[in-house]
Amino acid sequence: MALYVVTCTDHENVLEQRLAARPDHVTRLEKLDAAGQLILAGPMPKNPDQLQDGFYGSTLVVDFASREALDAWLAEEPYLKAGVYRHIDVKPFIQVFPKG
């Protein structure tokens, strides 16, 4: 298995689409977590005290057998399908900390 950092950038003014797609998005992440493939995931708010201001996007660190497997998983991402994500950047990652 290999780790990847996935940085997703939102389009502007897509908070409604994000909120509508969130249940399906979270369900997929819960399944990935249950499979032991989710290291971390979360949104990047423009203002953490005012979430209604929207989000820059999301960041995930995931564990997949290959980049192709990750790409296939990303292709079904509800936020991508709902037009929330403008761009998805994927980079390999080596976890050093925390140890164990």
Protein backbone atom coordinates (compact mmCIF):
# COMPACT_ATOMS: atom_id res chain seq x y z
CA MET A 1 0.00 0.00 0.00
CA ALA A 2 1.08 3.59 -0.57
CA LEU A 3 0.12 6.84 1.07
CA TYR A 4 -1.06 9.86 -0.89
CA VAL A 5 -1.87 13.45 0.04
CA VAL A 6 -4.98 14.56 -1.82
CA THR A 7 -5.61 18.31 -1.93
CA CYS A 8 -8.97 19.31 -3.36
CA THR A 9 -9.69 22.92 -4.29
CA ASP A 10 -13.27 24.18 -4.35
CA HIS A 11 -14.86 26.38 -6.99
CA GLU A 12 -16.04 29.74 -5.67
CA ASN A 13 -19.53 30.02 -4.18
CA VAL A 14 -20.31 26.30 -3.93
CA LEU A 15 -21.27 26.08 -0.25
CA GLU A 16 -24.81 24.91 -1.07
CA GLN A 17 -23.53 22.16 -3.37
CA ARG A 18 -20.97 21.15 -0.74
CA LEU A 19 -23.62 20.89 1.98
CA ALA A 20 -25.97 18.92 -0.29
CA ALA A 21 -23.27 16.39 -1.24
CA ARG A 22 -21.76 16.14 2.25
CA PRO A 23 -23.74 13.08 3.49
CA ASP A 24 -22.59 10.96 0.53
CA HIS A 25 -19.04 12.34 0.86
CA VAL A 26 -18.90 11.44 4.57
CA THR A 27 -20.35 7.96 3.95
CA ARG A 28 -17.54 7.21 1.48
CA LEU A 29 -14.91 8.44 3.94
CA GLU A 30 -16.43 6.31 6.71
CA LYS A 31 -16.11 3.23 4.47
CA LEU A 32 -12.50 4.12 3.66
CA ASP A 33 -11.81 4.60 7.37
CA ALA A 34 -13.39 1.24 8.24
CA ALA A 35 -11.13 -0.39 5.64
CA GLY A 36 -8.08 1.16 7.35
CA GLN A 37 -7.26 3.33 4.34
CA LEU A 38 -8.05 6.78 5.74
CA ILE A 39 -5.21 8.44 7.66
CA LEU A 40 -6.87 11.85 7.96
CA ALA A 41 -9.45 13.99 6.20
CA GLY A 42 -11.01 17.38 6.64
CA PRO A 43 -12.09 20.64 5.09
CA MET A 44 -10.08 23.86 4.86
CA PRO A 45 -12.46 26.66 5.88
CA LYS A 46 -11.92 30.21 4.73
CA ASN A 47 -12.80 31.30 8.26
CA PRO A 48 -12.97 28.60 10.97
CA ASP A 49 -15.24 30.84 13.06
CA GLN A 50 -17.67 31.51 10.19
CA LEU A 51 -18.16 28.32 8.17
CA GLN A 52 -20.84 30.02 6.08
CA ASP A 53 -17.94 31.93 4.44
CA GLY A 54 -17.17 28.71 2.57
CA PHE A 55 -14.12 26.53 2.11
CA TYR A 56 -10.88 26.54 0.17
CA GLY A 57 -11.31 22.80 -0.28
CA SER A 58 -10.37 19.59 1.50
CA THR A 59 -7.26 17.60 2.37
CA LEU A 60 -6.98 13.85 2.75
CA VAL A 61 -4.17 11.45 3.44
CA VAL A 62 -5.16 8.03 2.16
CA ASP A 63 -3.66 4.58 1.72
CA PHE A 64 -4.25 2.87 -1.64
CA ALA A 65 -2.63 -0.08 -3.38
CA SER A 66 -1.80 2.09 -6.39
CA ARG A 67 -2.34 5.52 -7.89
CA GLU A 68 -4.73 3.92 -10.36
CA ALA A 69 -6.86 2.56 -7.51
CA LEU A 70 -6.91 5.99 -5.89
CA ASP A 71 -7.86 7.67 -9.18
CA ALA A 72 -10.76 5.21 -9.61
CA TRP A 73 -11.95 6.01 -6.09
CA LEU A 74 -11.64 9.77 -6.66
CA ALA A 75 -13.65 9.56 -9.89
CA GLU A 76 -16.70 8.65 -7.78
CA GLU A 77 -16.21 11.48 -5.24
CA PRO A 78 -19.58 13.15 -4.53
CA TYR A 79 -18.04 16.62 -4.22
CA LEU A 80 -16.42 16.21 -7.64
CA LYS A 81 -19.66 14.97 -9.18
CA ALA A 82 -21.60 17.85 -7.56
CA GLY A 83 -19.24 20.44 -9.06
CA VAL A 84 -17.73 21.45 -5.70
CA TYR A 85 -14.12 20.58 -6.54
CA ARG A 86 -12.38 22.65 -9.19
CA HIS A 87 -9.09 20.77 -8.97
CA ILE A 88 -7.68 17.68 -7.25
CA ASP A 89 -3.94 17.38 -6.69
CA VAL A 90 -2.40 14.05 -5.64
CA LYS A 91 1.12 13.53 -4.36
CA PRO A 92 2.84 10.48 -2.85
CA PHE A 93 3.49 10.75 0.87
CA ILE A 94 5.82 9.07 3.37
CA GLN A 95 4.59 9.20 6.95
CA VAL A 96 7.41 9.74 9.46
CA PHE A 97 5.38 10.93 12.46
CA PRO A 98 3.53 9.91 14.46
CA LYS A 99 5.48 6.67 14.73
CA GLY A 100 3.77 3.32 15.04
